[in-house]
Protein backbone atom coordinates (compact mmCIF):
# COMPACT_ATOMS: atom_id res chain seq x y z
CA GLY A 1 136.13 106.49 45.69
CA ALA A 2 136.08 102.89 46.70
CA LEU A 3 134.44 101.73 43.45
CA ALA A 4 137.46 102.93 41.47
CA ALA A 5 139.47 99.99 42.80
CA TYR A 6 137.33 97.64 40.68
CA PRO A 7 138.03 97.98 36.94
CA SER A 8 134.74 96.33 36.01
CA LEU A 9 132.89 99.11 37.84
CA ARG A 10 134.86 102.01 36.34
CA ASP A 11 132.03 103.23 34.07
CA MET A 12 129.65 103.23 37.03
CA THR A 13 132.26 105.04 39.10
CA LEU A 14 132.59 107.74 36.41
CA THR A 15 128.83 108.14 36.24
CA VAL A 16 128.46 108.43 40.02
CA ALA A 17 131.34 110.93 40.23
CA ALA A 18 129.84 113.02 37.41
CA ARG A 19 126.44 113.02 39.10
CA ALA A 20 128.09 114.35 42.28
CA ILE A 21 129.56 117.44 40.55
CA ASP A 22 128.55 120.72 42.19
CA TRP A 23 127.94 122.72 39.02
CA ARG A 24 127.95 126.03 40.93
CA ASP A 25 131.69 125.53 41.53
CA PRO A 26 132.67 122.47 39.49
CA GLU A 27 136.44 122.56 39.01
CA LEU A 28 137.54 120.17 41.78
CA ASP A 29 134.68 117.75 41.11
CA VAL A 30 135.38 117.67 37.36
CA ASP A 31 139.06 117.08 38.11
CA ALA A 32 138.02 114.12 40.29
CA VAL A 33 136.05 112.64 37.38
CA ILE A 34 138.89 112.91 34.88
CA ALA A 35 141.31 111.47 37.45
CA LEU A 36 139.29 108.24 37.22
CA VAL A 37 140.23 107.73 33.57
CA ASP A 38 142.51 104.73 33.46
CA GLU A 39 142.55 104.24 29.68
CA PRO A 40 141.72 106.39 26.63
CA LEU A 41 138.55 104.48 25.81
CA ARG A 42 136.98 105.79 29.01
CA CYS A 43 136.99 109.32 27.60
CA ALA A 44 133.75 108.67 25.71
CA GLU A 45 132.13 107.82 29.04
CA VAL A 46 133.58 110.98 30.63
CA ARG A 47 132.09 113.12 27.87
CA SER A 48 128.73 111.40 28.15
CA ALA A 49 128.54 111.31 31.95
CA ILE A 50 129.52 114.95 32.33
CA GLY A 51 127.12 115.96 29.58
CA ARG A 52 124.24 114.12 31.28
CA SER A 53 125.15 115.52 34.69
CA ILE A 54 125.20 119.15 33.59
CA ALA A 55 122.04 118.71 31.51
CA ASP A 56 120.24 117.33 34.55
CA TYR A 57 121.57 120.25 36.61
CA GLY A 58 120.19 122.71 34.08
CA GLY A 59 121.20 125.75 36.15
CA GLU A 60 122.92 128.99 35.32
CA ILE A 61 126.09 129.24 33.29
CA THR A 62 128.35 130.69 35.95
CA HIS A 63 131.74 132.34 35.86
CA GLU A 64 133.09 129.30 37.72
CA LEU A 65 131.85 127.04 34.93
CA GLY A 66 133.81 129.11 32.41
CA VAL A 67 136.91 128.99 34.61
CA THR A 68 136.60 125.21 34.78
CA VAL A 69 136.26 124.89 31.01
CA ASP A 70 139.24 127.16 30.43
CA ALA A 71 141.36 125.06 32.81
CA LEU A 72 140.30 121.89 30.98
CA LEU A 73 141.17 123.47 27.63
CA ALA A 74 144.59 124.51 28.92
CA ASP A 75 145.25 120.93 30.10
CA GLN A 76 144.92 119.51 26.54
CA SER A 77 144.85 115.91 27.80
CA LEU A 78 142.37 113.49 26.29
CA PRO A 79 140.21 113.21 29.46
CA ALA A 80 140.21 116.99 29.99
CA GLY A 81 139.18 117.52 26.37
CA ALA A 82 136.34 115.02 26.75
CA ALA A 83 135.14 116.74 29.93
CA ALA A 84 135.36 120.17 28.31
CA LEU A 85 133.35 118.95 25.35
CA GLY A 86 130.62 117.58 27.60
CA ILE A 87 130.30 120.99 29.24
CA ILE A 88 130.67 123.12 26.10
CA SER A 89 128.10 121.05 24.19
CA TRP A 90 125.58 121.96 26.90
CA ALA A 91 126.59 125.56 27.63
CA GLY A 92 127.27 126.81 24.10
CA PRO A 93 123.70 126.50 22.80
CA ARG A 94 122.31 128.02 26.00
CA THR A 95 124.38 131.16 25.41
CA GLY A 96 123.38 131.31 21.74
CA TRP A 97 127.02 130.48 21.00
CA THR A 98 128.41 133.78 22.18
CA PRO A 99 131.91 134.58 20.88
CA LEU A 100 133.46 133.25 24.11
CA TRP A 101 131.77 129.84 23.79
CA GLN A 102 132.50 129.77 20.03
CA ARG A 103 136.18 130.30 20.85
CA ARG A 104 136.07 127.44 23.31
CA ILE A 105 134.57 124.98 20.82
CA ARG A 106 137.08 126.11 18.18
CA MET A 107 139.89 125.33 20.62
CA LEU A 108 138.54 121.80 20.97
CA ARG A 109 138.30 121.49 17.19
CA ARG A 110 142.08 122.04 17.18
CA HIS A 111 142.71 119.69 20.11
CA PRO A 112 145.89 117.57 19.85
CA SER A 113 143.74 114.43 20.08
CA PRO A 114 142.12 113.63 16.73
CA THR A 115 139.24 112.00 18.61
CA ILE A 116 138.43 115.13 20.64
CA ALA A 117 138.87 117.34 17.57
CA SER A 118 136.50 115.13 15.58
CA TRP A 119 133.89 115.06 18.34
CA ALA A 120 134.10 118.86 18.60
CA CYS A 121 133.62 119.22 14.84
CA ASP A 122 130.35 117.29 15.20
CA VAL A 123 128.92 119.97 17.53
CA VAL A 124 126.57 122.25 15.57
CA THR A 125 127.12 125.90 16.44
CA VAL A 126 124.89 127.61 13.88
CA ARG A 127 121.21 127.46 13.07
CA LEU A 128 120.27 126.67 9.50
CA HIS A 129 117.06 128.24 8.25
């Protein structure tokens, strides 16, 4: 949107765009968020903003959500990886880390970006008793 033209407002723009995601069919809206990334350092904000947005949504884990994550994983760019991690970190635990969501986090742990791979390794996928 219009805020994107002002670099000093980029974090706010990312947050607003993430809040506007329709999580029932998120692919185009998530793509719009990652398109706002103008430098690698913004990827931390993408991960955080998307994570907060989907947590606030708190709805069902839909087929469309999985399709969106798979498209982000196929992209392998830094912003797509950050967005995927924000979603997977929310959805994985809610599924009990089913094999499908475990595969998705493993893909991020092998991401070409060391930053994304490291962030993905920090996501706990097992319960310790």
